[in-house]
């Protein structure tokens, strides 16, 4: 159950930068729309937030955290980018 909730949280967090013209839904930017660089910056911060929540969830359920190497973080960031693909299509590639 915890894994499903974390995957849903990661999917929602990965797509959220693409659906608002504000930074983190709070900070209004000077330009009318948010460009790709701001979206990628917000995506990387949200990856760190979801990773922190996952770290805490692992500690709370197992009582310990397994040590991970750089490969683990590379794969999870790549998965986070794959989760962000529907929002990217909506914001960047889908012409209205």
PDB file of N, CA and C in Angstrom:
ATOM      1  N   UNK A   1       0.820  -1.190   0.000  1.00  0.00           N
ATOM      2  CA  UNK A   1       0.000   0.000   0.000  1.00  0.00           C
ATOM      3  C   UNK A   1       0.871   1.264   0.000  1.00  0.00           C
ATOM      4  N   UNK A   2       1.928   1.259   0.796  1.00  0.00           N
ATOM      5  CA  UNK A   2       2.807   2.419   0.867  1.00  0.00           C
ATOM      6  C   UNK A   2       3.483   2.688  -0.476  1.00  0.00           C
ATOM      7  N   UNK A   3       3.876   1.620  -1.166  1.00  0.00           N
ATOM      8  CA  UNK A   3       4.535   1.788  -2.459  1.00  0.00           C
ATOM      9  C   UNK A   3       3.590   2.422  -3.476  1.00  0.00           C
ATOM     10  N   UNK A   4       2.316   2.020  -3.437  1.00  0.00           N
ATOM     11  CA  UNK A   4       1.339   2.578  -4.369  1.00  0.00           C
ATOM     12  C   UNK A   4       1.125   4.063  -4.105  1.00  0.00           C
ATOM     13  N   UNK A   5       1.027   4.430  -2.847  1.00  0.00           N
ATOM     14  CA  UNK A   5       0.847   5.841  -2.496  1.00  0.00           C
ATOM     15  C   UNK A   5       2.056   6.658  -2.914  1.00  0.00           C
ATOM     16  N   UNK A   6       3.265   6.130  -2.718  1.00  0.00           N
ATOM     17  CA  UNK A   6       4.472   6.855  -3.116  1.00  0.00           C
ATOM     18  C   UNK A   6       4.573   6.999  -4.634  1.00  0.00           C
ATOM     19  N   UNK A   7       4.174   5.972  -5.371  1.00  0.00           N
ATOM     20  CA  UNK A   7       4.191   6.069  -6.831  1.00  0.00           C
ATOM     21  C   UNK A   7       3.167   7.089  -7.329  1.00  0.00           C
ATOM     22  N   UNK A   8       1.977   7.113  -6.727  1.00  0.00           N
ATOM     23  CA  UNK A   8       0.983   8.120  -7.098  1.00  0.00           C
ATOM     24  C   UNK A   8       1.461   9.522  -6.753  1.00  0.00           C
ATOM     25  N   UNK A   9       2.079   9.675  -5.590  1.00  0.00           N
ATOM     26  CA  UNK A   9       2.632  10.972  -5.200  1.00  0.00           C
ATOM     27  C   UNK A   9       3.708  11.419  -6.181  1.00  0.00           C
ATOM     28  N   UNK A  10       4.573  10.502  -6.586  1.00  0.00           N
ATOM     29  CA  UNK A  10       5.631  10.835  -7.538  1.00  0.00           C
ATOM     30  C   UNK A  10       5.035  11.214  -8.893  1.00  0.00           C
ATOM     31  N   UNK A  11       4.004  10.511  -9.336  1.00  0.00           N
ATOM     32  CA  UNK A  11       3.378  10.823 -10.623  1.00  0.00           C
ATOM     33  C   UNK A  11       2.724  12.206 -10.597  1.00  0.00           C
ATOM     34  N   UNK A  12       2.021  12.507  -9.518  1.00  0.00           N
ATOM     35  CA  UNK A  12       1.375  13.818  -9.393  1.00  0.00           C
ATOM     36  C   UNK A  12       2.413  14.931  -9.294  1.00  0.00           C
ATOM     37  N   UNK A  13       3.454  14.703  -8.504  1.00  0.00           N
ATOM     38  CA  UNK A  13       4.501  15.721  -8.351  1.00  0.00           C
ATOM     39  C   UNK A  13       5.264  15.935  -9.650  1.00  0.00           C
ATOM     40  N   UNK A  14       5.483  14.870 -10.416  1.00  0.00           N
ATOM     41  CA  UNK A  14       6.223  15.006 -11.666  1.00  0.00           C
ATOM     42  C   UNK A  14       5.427  15.776 -12.717  1.00  0.00           C
ATOM     43  N   UNK A  15       4.118  15.703 -12.662  1.00  0.00           N
ATOM     44  CA  UNK A  15       3.294  16.391 -13.655  1.00  0.00           C
ATOM     45  C   UNK A  15       2.864  17.783 -13.220  1.00  0.00           C
ATOM     46  N   UNK A  16       2.977  18.106 -11.958  1.00  0.00           N
ATOM     47  CA  UNK A  16       2.485  19.401 -11.478  1.00  0.00           C
ATOM     48  C   UNK A  16       3.224  20.621 -12.042  1.00  0.00           C
ATOM     49  N   UNK A  17       4.524  20.584 -12.343  1.00  0.00           N
ATOM     50  CA  UNK A  17       5.160  21.798 -12.896  1.00  0.00           C
ATOM     51  C   UNK A  17       4.602  22.226 -14.247  1.00  0.00           C
ATOM     52  N   UNK A  18       4.019  21.320 -14.977  1.00  0.00           N
ATOM     53  CA  UNK A  18       3.592  21.604 -16.339  1.00  0.00           C
ATOM     54  C   UNK A  18       2.201  22.233 -16.418  1.00  0.00           C
ATOM     55  N   UNK A  19       1.445  22.217 -15.335  1.00  0.00           N
ATOM     56  CA  UNK A  19       0.053  22.655 -15.396  1.00  0.00           C
ATOM     57  C   UNK A  19      -0.203  24.022 -14.777  1.00  0.00           C
ATOM     58  N   UNK A  20       0.824  24.744 -14.400  1.00  0.00           N
ATOM     59  CA  UNK A  20       0.642  26.067 -13.821  1.00  0.00           C
ATOM     60  C   UNK A  20       1.695  27.015 -14.379  1.00  0.00           C
ATOM     61  N   UNK A  21       1.338  28.278 -14.492  1.00  0.00           N
ATOM     62  CA  UNK A  21       2.304  29.270 -14.953  1.00  0.00           C
ATOM     63  C   UNK A  21       3.059  29.898 -13.778  1.00  0.00           C
ATOM     64  N   UNK A  22       2.738  29.482 -12.563  1.00  0.00           N
ATOM     65  CA  UNK A  22       3.434  29.971 -11.374  1.00  0.00           C
ATOM     66  C   UNK A  22       4.471  28.946 -10.917  1.00  0.00           C
ATOM     67  N   UNK A  23       5.490  29.419 -10.248  1.00  0.00           N
ATOM     68  CA  UNK A  23       6.524  28.544  -9.718  1.00  0.00           C
ATOM     69  C   UNK A  23       6.029  27.936  -8.419  1.00  0.00           C
ATOM     70  N   UNK A  24       5.939  26.628  -8.346  1.00  0.00           N
ATOM     71  CA  UNK A  24       5.414  25.888  -7.197  1.00  0.00           C
ATOM     72  C   UNK A  24       3.980  26.302  -6.856  1.00  0.00           C
ATOM     73  N   UNK A  25       3.237  26.725  -7.838  1.00  0.00           N
ATOM     74  CA  UNK A  25       1.841  27.175  -7.704  1.00  0.00           C
ATOM     75  C   UNK A  25       1.693  28.389  -6.799  1.00  0.00           C
ATOM     76  N   UNK A  26       2.771  29.047  -6.422  1.00  0.00           N
ATOM     77  CA  UNK A  26       2.715  30.169  -5.490  1.00  0.00           C
ATOM     78  C   UNK A  26       3.361  31.421  -6.059  1.00  0.00           C
ATOM     79  N   UNK A  27       4.589  31.312  -6.534  1.00  0.00           N
ATOM     80  CA  UNK A  27       5.388  32.466  -6.927  1.00  0.00           C
ATOM     81  C   UNK A  27       5.069  32.852  -8.372  1.00  0.00           C
ATOM     82  N   UNK A  28       4.610  34.075  -8.562  1.00  0.00           N
ATOM     83  CA  UNK A  28       4.305  34.577  -9.895  1.00  0.00           C
ATOM     84  C   UNK A  28       5.611  35.004 -10.572  1.00  0.00           C
ATOM     85  N   UNK A  29       5.803  34.533 -11.790  1.00  0.00           N
ATOM     86  CA  UNK A  29       6.993  34.895 -12.564  1.00  0.00           C
ATOM     87  C   UNK A  29       6.720  36.148 -13.383  1.00  0.00           C
ATOM     88  N   UNK A  30       7.787  36.824 -13.807  1.00  0.00           N
ATOM     89  CA  UNK A  30       7.627  38.062 -14.570  1.00  0.00           C
ATOM     90  C   UNK A  30       7.037  37.810 -15.949  1.00  0.00           C
ATOM     91  N   UNK A  31       7.383  36.685 -16.554  1.00  0.00           N
ATOM     92  CA  UNK A  31       6.827  36.380 -17.874  1.00  0.00           C
ATOM     93  C   UNK A  31       5.430  35.775 -17.718  1.00  0.00           C
ATOM     94  N   UNK A  32       4.681  35.815 -18.785  1.00  0.00           N
ATOM     95  CA  UNK A  32       3.310  35.308 -18.763  1.00  0.00           C
ATOM     96  C   UNK A  32       3.287  33.798 -18.531  1.00  0.00           C
ATOM     97  N   UNK A  33       4.122  33.065 -19.249  1.00  0.00           N
ATOM     98  CA  UNK A  33       4.148  31.615 -19.098  1.00  0.00           C
ATOM     99  C   UNK A  33       5.517  31.159 -18.597  1.00  0.00           C
ATOM    100  N   UNK A  34       5.517  30.029 -17.976  1.00  0.00           N
ATOM    101  CA  UNK A  34       6.739  29.451 -17.419  1.00  0.00           C
ATOM    102  C   UNK A  34       7.462  28.692 -18.537  1.00  0.00           C
ATOM    103  N   UNK A  35       8.752  28.975 -18.734  1.00  0.00           N
ATOM    104  CA  UNK A  35       9.481  28.302 -19.802  1.00  0.00           C
ATOM    105  C   UNK A  35      10.010  26.945 -19.327  1.00  0.00           C
ATOM    106  N   UNK A  36      10.660  26.229 -20.223  1.00  0.00           N
ATOM    107  CA  UNK A  36      11.121  24.875 -19.956  1.00  0.00           C
ATOM    108  C   UNK A  36      12.140  24.818 -18.825  1.00  0.00           C
ATOM    109  N   UNK A  37      13.014  25.801 -18.737  1.00  0.00           N
ATOM    110  CA  UNK A  37      14.046  25.803 -17.695  1.00  0.00           C
ATOM    111  C   UNK A  37      13.414  25.877 -16.298  1.00  0.00           C
ATOM    112  N   UNK A  38      12.399  26.725 -16.126  1.00  0.00           N
ATOM    113  CA  UNK A  38      11.726  26.804 -14.831  1.00  0.00           C
ATOM    114  C   UNK A  38      11.019  25.491 -14.499  1.00  0.00           C
ATOM    115  N   UNK A  39      10.421  24.876 -15.501  1.00  0.00           N
ATOM    116  CA  UNK A  39       9.740  23.598 -15.265  1.00  0.00           C
ATOM    117  C   UNK A  39      10.725  22.512 -14.841  1.00  0.00           C
ATOM    118  N   UNK A  40      11.886  22.473 -15.474  1.00  0.00           N
ATOM    119  CA  UNK A  40      12.892  21.477 -15.101  1.00  0.00           C
ATOM    120  C   UNK A  40      13.479  21.753 -13.721  1.00  0.00           C
ATOM    121  N   UNK A  41      13.647  23.025 -13.379  1.00  0.00           N
ATOM    122  CA  UNK A  41      14.109  23.375 -12.039  1.00  0.00           C
ATOM    123  C   UNK A  41      13.091  22.924 -10.988  1.00  0.00           C
ATOM    124  N   UNK A  42      11.834  23.218 -11.248  1.00  0.00           N
ATOM    125  CA  UNK A  42      10.776  22.816 -10.318  1.00  0.00           C
ATOM    126  C   UNK A  42      10.681  21.291 -10.239  1.00  0.00           C
ATOM    127  N   UNK A  43      10.883  20.622 -11.356  1.00  0.00           N
ATOM    128  CA  UNK A  43      10.847  19.163 -11.383  1.00  0.00           C
ATOM    129  C   UNK A  43      11.960  18.563 -10.526  1.00  0.00           C
ATOM    130  N   UNK A  44      13.153  19.144 -10.586  1.00  0.00           N
ATOM    131  CA  UNK A  44      14.257  18.613  -9.783  1.00  0.00           C
ATOM    132  C   UNK A  44      14.034  18.853  -8.287  1.00  0.00           C
ATOM    133  N   UNK A  45      13.458  19.991  -7.916  1.00  0.00           N
ATOM    134  CA  UNK A  45      13.152  20.250  -6.508  1.00  0.00           C
ATOM    135  C   UNK A  45      12.072  19.294  -6.021  1.00  0.00           C
ATOM    136  N   UNK A  46      11.064  19.060  -6.843  1.00  0.00           N
ATOM    137  CA  UNK A  46      10.006  18.124  -6.453  1.00  0.00           C
ATOM    138  C   UNK A  46      10.545  16.698  -6.349  1.00  0.00           C
ATOM    139  N   UNK A  47      11.527  16.337  -7.178  1.00  0.00           N
ATOM    140  CA  UNK A  47      12.167  15.026  -7.050  1.00  0.00           C
ATOM    141  C   UNK A  47      12.826  14.883  -5.681  1.00  0.00           C
ATOM    142  N   UNK A  48      13.501  15.933  -5.241  1.00  0.00           N
ATOM    143  CA  UNK A  48      14.142  15.885  -3.921  1.00  0.00           C
ATOM    144  C   UNK A  48      13.108  15.790  -2.802  1.00  0.00           C
ATOM    145  N   UNK A  49      11.983  16.472  -2.953  1.00  0.00           N
ATOM    146  CA  UNK A  49      10.927  16.421  -1.934  1.00  0.00           C
ATOM    147  C   UNK A  49      10.305  15.029  -1.872  1.00  0.00           C
ATOM    148  N   UNK A  50       9.976  14.461  -3.024  1.00  0.00           N
ATOM    149  CA  UNK A  50       9.402  13.111  -3.053  1.00  0.00           C
ATOM    150  C   UNK A  50      10.422  12.093  -2.549  1.00  0.00           C
ATOM    151  N   UNK A  51      11.682  12.287  -2.868  1.00  0.00           N
ATOM    152  CA  UNK A  51      12.729  11.404  -2.350  1.00  0.00           C
ATOM    153  C   UNK A  51      12.844  11.470  -0.841  1.00  0.00           C
ATOM    154  N   UNK A  52      12.705  12.656  -0.282  1.00  0.00           N
ATOM    155  CA  UNK A  52      12.745  12.805   1.174  1.00  0.00           C
ATOM    156  C   UNK A  52      11.554  12.124   1.832  1.00  0.00           C
ATOM    157  N   UNK A  53      10.386  12.264   1.226  1.00  0.00           N
ATOM    158  CA  UNK A  53       9.197  11.592   1.762  1.00  0.00           C
ATOM    159  C   UNK A  53       9.360  10.075   1.675  1.00  0.00           C
ATOM    160  N   UNK A  54       9.922   9.589   0.583  1.00  0.00           N
ATOM    161  CA  UNK A  54      10.157   8.153   0.429  1.00  0.00           C
ATOM    162  C   UNK A  54      11.188   7.647   1.430  1.00  0.00           C
ATOM    163  N   UNK A  55      12.211   8.443   1.670  1.00  0.00           N
ATOM    164  CA  UNK A  55      13.231   8.104   2.662  1.00  0.00           C
ATOM    165  C   UNK A  55      12.595   7.949   4.042  1.00  0.00           C
ATOM    166  N   UNK A  56      11.742   8.907   4.404  1.00  0.00           N
ATOM    167  CA  UNK A  56      11.057   8.837   5.695  1.00  0.00           C
ATOM    168  C   UNK A  56      10.098   7.656   5.752  1.00  0.00           C
ATOM    169  N   UNK A  57       9.397   7.373   4.653  1.00  0.00           N
ATOM    170  CA  UNK A  57       8.456   6.250   4.636  1.00  0.00           C
ATOM    171  C   UNK A  57       9.188   4.924   4.816  1.00  0.00           C
ATOM    172  N   UNK A  58      10.356   4.790   4.207  1.00  0.00           N
ATOM    173  CA  UNK A  58      11.143   3.568   4.382  1.00  0.00           C
ATOM    174  C   UNK A  58      11.612   3.432   5.827  1.00  0.00           C
ATOM    175  N   UNK A  59      12.040   4.526   6.407  1.00  0.00           N
ATOM    176  CA  UNK A  59      12.483   4.485   7.802  1.00  0.00           C
ATOM    177  C   UNK A  59      11.317   4.179   8.745  1.00  0.00           C
ATOM    178  N   UNK A  60      10.151   4.742   8.470  1.00  0.00           N
ATOM    179  CA  UNK A  60       8.994   4.539   9.349  1.00  0.00           C
ATOM    180  C   UNK A  60       8.452   3.116   9.253  1.00  0.00           C
ATOM    181  N   UNK A  61       8.499   2.508   8.081  1.00  0.00           N
ATOM    182  CA  UNK A  61       7.942   1.161   7.944  1.00  0.00           C
ATOM    183  C   UNK A  61       8.946   0.066   8.293  1.00  0.00           C
ATOM    184  N   UNK A  62      10.209   0.242   7.971  1.00  0.00           N
ATOM    185  CA  UNK A  62      11.206  -0.805   8.197  1.00  0.00           C
ATOM    186  C   UNK A  62      12.089  -0.561   9.417  1.00  0.00           C
ATOM    187  N   UNK A  63      12.158   0.668   9.870  1.00  0.00           N
ATOM    188  CA  UNK A  63      13.013   0.978  11.009  1.00  0.00           C
ATOM    189  C   UNK A  63      14.447   1.266  10.634  1.00  0.00           C
ATOM    190  N   UNK A  64      14.784   1.124   9.373  1.00  0.00           N
ATOM    191  CA  UNK A  64      16.128   1.421   8.875  1.00  0.00           C
ATOM    192  C   UNK A  64      16.028   1.830   7.417  1.00  0.00           C
ATOM    193  N   UNK A  65      17.091   2.422   6.912  1.00  0.00           N
ATOM    194  CA  UNK A  65      17.130   2.828   5.507  1.00  0.00           C
ATOM    195  C   UNK A  65      18.290   2.095   4.850  1.00  0.00           C
ATOM    196  N   UNK A  66      18.004   1.442   3.736  1.00  0.00           N
ATOM    197  CA  UNK A  66      19.046   0.712   3.023  1.00  0.00           C
ATOM    198  C   UNK A  66      19.985   1.690   2.337  1.00  0.00           C
ATOM    199  N   UNK A  67      21.290   1.446   2.400  1.00  0.00           N
ATOM    200  CA  UNK A  67      22.227   2.340   1.705  1.00  0.00           C
ATOM    201  C   UNK A  67      22.098   2.176   0.187  1.00  0.00           C
ATOM    202  N   UNK A  68      22.153   3.294  -0.525  1.00  0.00           N
ATOM    203  CA  UNK A  68      22.005   3.290  -1.980  1.00  0.00           C
ATOM    204  C   UNK A  68      23.195   3.992  -2.614  1.00  0.00           C
ATOM    205  N   UNK A  69      23.556   3.552  -3.794  1.00  0.00           N
ATOM    206  CA  UNK A  69      24.631   4.187  -4.562  1.00  0.00           C
ATOM    207  C   UNK A  69      24.075   5.173  -5.564  1.00  0.00           C
ATOM    208  N   UNK A  70      24.959   5.740  -6.365  1.00  0.00           N
ATOM    209  CA  UNK A  70      24.554   6.745  -7.339  1.00  0.00           C
ATOM    210  C   UNK A  70      23.646   6.152  -8.406  1.00  0.00           C
ATOM    211  N   UNK A  71      23.773   4.852  -8.666  1.00  0.00           N
ATOM    212  CA  UNK A  71      22.951   4.204  -9.683  1.00  0.00           C
ATOM    213  C   UNK A  71      21.470   4.265  -9.320  1.00  0.00           C
ATOM    214  N   UNK A  72      21.168   4.079  -8.042  1.00  0.00           N
ATOM    215  CA  UNK A  72      19.788   4.127  -7.572  1.00  0.00           C
ATOM    216  C   UNK A  72      19.173   5.495  -7.837  1.00  0.00           C
ATOM    217  N   UNK A  73      19.893   6.549  -7.530  1.00  0.00           N
ATOM    218  CA  UNK A  73      19.362   7.896  -7.710  1.00  0.00           C
ATOM    219  C   UNK A  73      19.243   8.252  -9.194  1.00  0.00           C
ATOM    220  N   UNK A  74      20.128   7.740 -10.028  1.00  0.00           N
ATOM    221  CA  UNK A  74      20.028   7.962 -11.464  1.00  0.00           C
ATOM    222  C   UNK A  74      18.786   7.286 -12.030  1.00  0.00           C
ATOM    223  N   UNK A  75      18.529   6.062 -11.610  1.00  0.00           N
ATOM    224  CA  UNK A  75      17.360   5.330 -12.096  1.00  0.00           C
ATOM    225  C   UNK A  75      16.077   5.978 -11.586  1.00  0.00           C
ATOM    226  N   UNK A  76      16.029   6.390 -10.320  1.00  0.00           N
ATOM    227  CA  UNK A  76      14.796   6.992  -9.803  1.00  0.00           C
ATOM    228  C   UNK A  76      14.540   8.367 -10.429  1.00  0.00           C
ATOM    229  N   UNK A  77      15.590   9.133 -10.720  1.00  0.00           N
ATOM    230  CA  UNK A  77      15.374  10.410 -11.407  1.00  0.00           C
ATOM    231  C   UNK A  77      14.890  10.181 -12.834  1.00  0.00           C
ATOM    232  N   UNK A  78      15.420   9.153 -13.495  1.00  0.00           N
ATOM    233  CA  UNK A  78      14.945   8.813 -14.838  1.00  0.00           C
ATOM    234  C   UNK A  78      13.483   8.387 -14.805  1.00  0.00           C
ATOM    235  N   UNK A  79      13.102   7.626 -13.802  1.00  0.00           N
ATOM    236  CA  UNK A  79      11.699   7.231 -13.646  1.00  0.00           C
ATOM    237  C   UNK A  79      10.825   8.453 -13.385  1.00  0.00           C
ATOM    238  N   UNK A  80      11.326   9.401 -12.614  1.00  0.00           N
ATOM    239  CA  UNK A  80      10.594  10.635 -12.349  1.00  0.00           C
ATOM    240  C   UNK A  80      10.395  11.426 -13.646  1.00  0.00           C
ATOM    241  N   UNK A  81      11.403  11.445 -14.512  1.00  0.00           N
ATOM    242  CA  UNK A  81      11.269  12.109 -15.813  1.00  0.00           C
ATOM    243  C   UNK A  81      10.256  11.399 -16.705  1.00  0.00           C
ATOM    244  N   UNK A  82      10.217  10.069 -16.644  1.00  0.00           N
ATOM    245  CA  UNK A  82       9.219   9.318 -17.409  1.00  0.00           C
ATOM    246  C   UNK A  82       7.823   9.630 -16.886  1.00  0.00           C
ATOM    247  N   UNK A  83       7.677   9.746 -15.571  1.00  0.00           N
ATOM    248  CA  UNK A  83       6.383  10.122 -14.991  1.00  0.00           C
ATOM    249  C   UNK A  83       5.950  11.513 -15.456  1.00  0.00           C
ATOM    250  N   UNK A  84       6.901  12.399 -15.721  1.00  0.00           N
ATOM    251  CA  UNK A  84       6.588  13.773 -16.127  1.00  0.00           C
ATOM    252  C   UNK A  84       6.229  13.884 -17.606  1.00  0.00           C
ATOM    253  N   UNK A  85       6.325  12.814 -18.343  1.00  0.00           N
ATOM    254  CA  UNK A  85       6.103  12.876 -19.785  1.00  0.00           C
ATOM    255  C   UNK A  85       4.698  13.347 -20.182  1.00  0.00           C
ATOM    256  N   UNK A  86       3.606  12.892 -19.550  1.00  0.00           N
ATOM    257  CA  UNK A  86       2.278  13.400 -19.949  1.00  0.00           C
ATOM    258  C   UNK A  86       2.143  14.916 -19.769  1.00  0.00           C
ATOM    259  N   UNK A  87       2.661  15.457 -18.691  1.00  0.00           N
ATOM    260  CA  UNK A  87       2.609  16.903 -18.483  1.00  0.00           C
ATOM    261  C   UNK A  87       3.462  17.655 -19.488  1.00  0.00           C
ATOM    262  N   UNK A  88       4.622  17.098 -19.833  1.00  0.00           N
ATOM    263  CA  UNK A  88       5.492  17.707 -20.841  1.00  0.00           C
ATOM    264  C   UNK A  88       4.792  17.765 -22.193  1.00  0.00           C
ATOM    265  N   UNK A  89       4.128  16.676 -22.566  1.00  0.00           N
ATOM    266  CA  UNK A  89       3.383  16.648 -23.824  1.00  0.00           C
ATOM    267  C   UNK A  89       2.294  17.709 -23.814  1.00  0.00           C
ATOM    268  N   UNK A  90       1.590  17.816 -22.692  1.00  0.00           N
ATOM    269  CA  UNK A  90       0.506  18.792 -22.584  1.00  0.00           C
ATOM    270  C   UNK A  90       1.021  20.225 -22.707  1.00  0.00           C
ATOM    271  N   UNK A  91       2.099  20.543 -22.011  1.00  0.00           N
ATOM    272  CA  UNK A  91       2.579  21.931 -21.946  1.00  0.00           C
ATOM    273  C   UNK A  91       3.396  22.324 -23.181  1.00  0.00           C
ATOM    274  N   UNK A  92       4.309  21.488 -23.613  1.00  0.00           N
ATOM    275  CA  UNK A  92       5.283  21.875 -24.630  1.00  0.00           C
ATOM    276  C   UNK A  92       4.864  21.442 -26.046  1.00  0.00           C
ATOM    277  N   UNK A  93       4.442  20.220 -26.218  1.00  0.00           N
ATOM    278  CA  UNK A  93       4.236  19.695 -27.565  1.00  0.00           C
ATOM    279  C   UNK A  93       2.808  19.806 -28.079  1.00  0.00           C
ATOM    280  N   UNK A  94       1.830  19.873 -27.186  1.00  0.00           N
ATOM    281  CA  UNK A  94       0.450  19.900 -27.629  1.00  0.00           C
ATOM    282  C   UNK A  94       0.068  21.334 -27.992  1.00  0.00           C
ATOM    283  N   UNK A  95      -0.110  21.579 -29.239  1.00  0.00           N
ATOM    284  CA  UNK A  95      -0.445  22.923 -29.716  1.00  0.00           C
ATOM    285  C   UNK A  95      -1.958  23.114 -29.626  1.00  0.00           C
ATOM    286  N   UNK A  96      -2.352  24.214 -28.976  1.00  0.00           N
ATOM    287  CA  UNK A  96      -3.781  24.478 -28.808  1.00  0.00           C
ATOM    288  C   UNK A  96      -4.282  25.392 -29.899  1.00  0.00           C
TER     289      UNK A  96
END
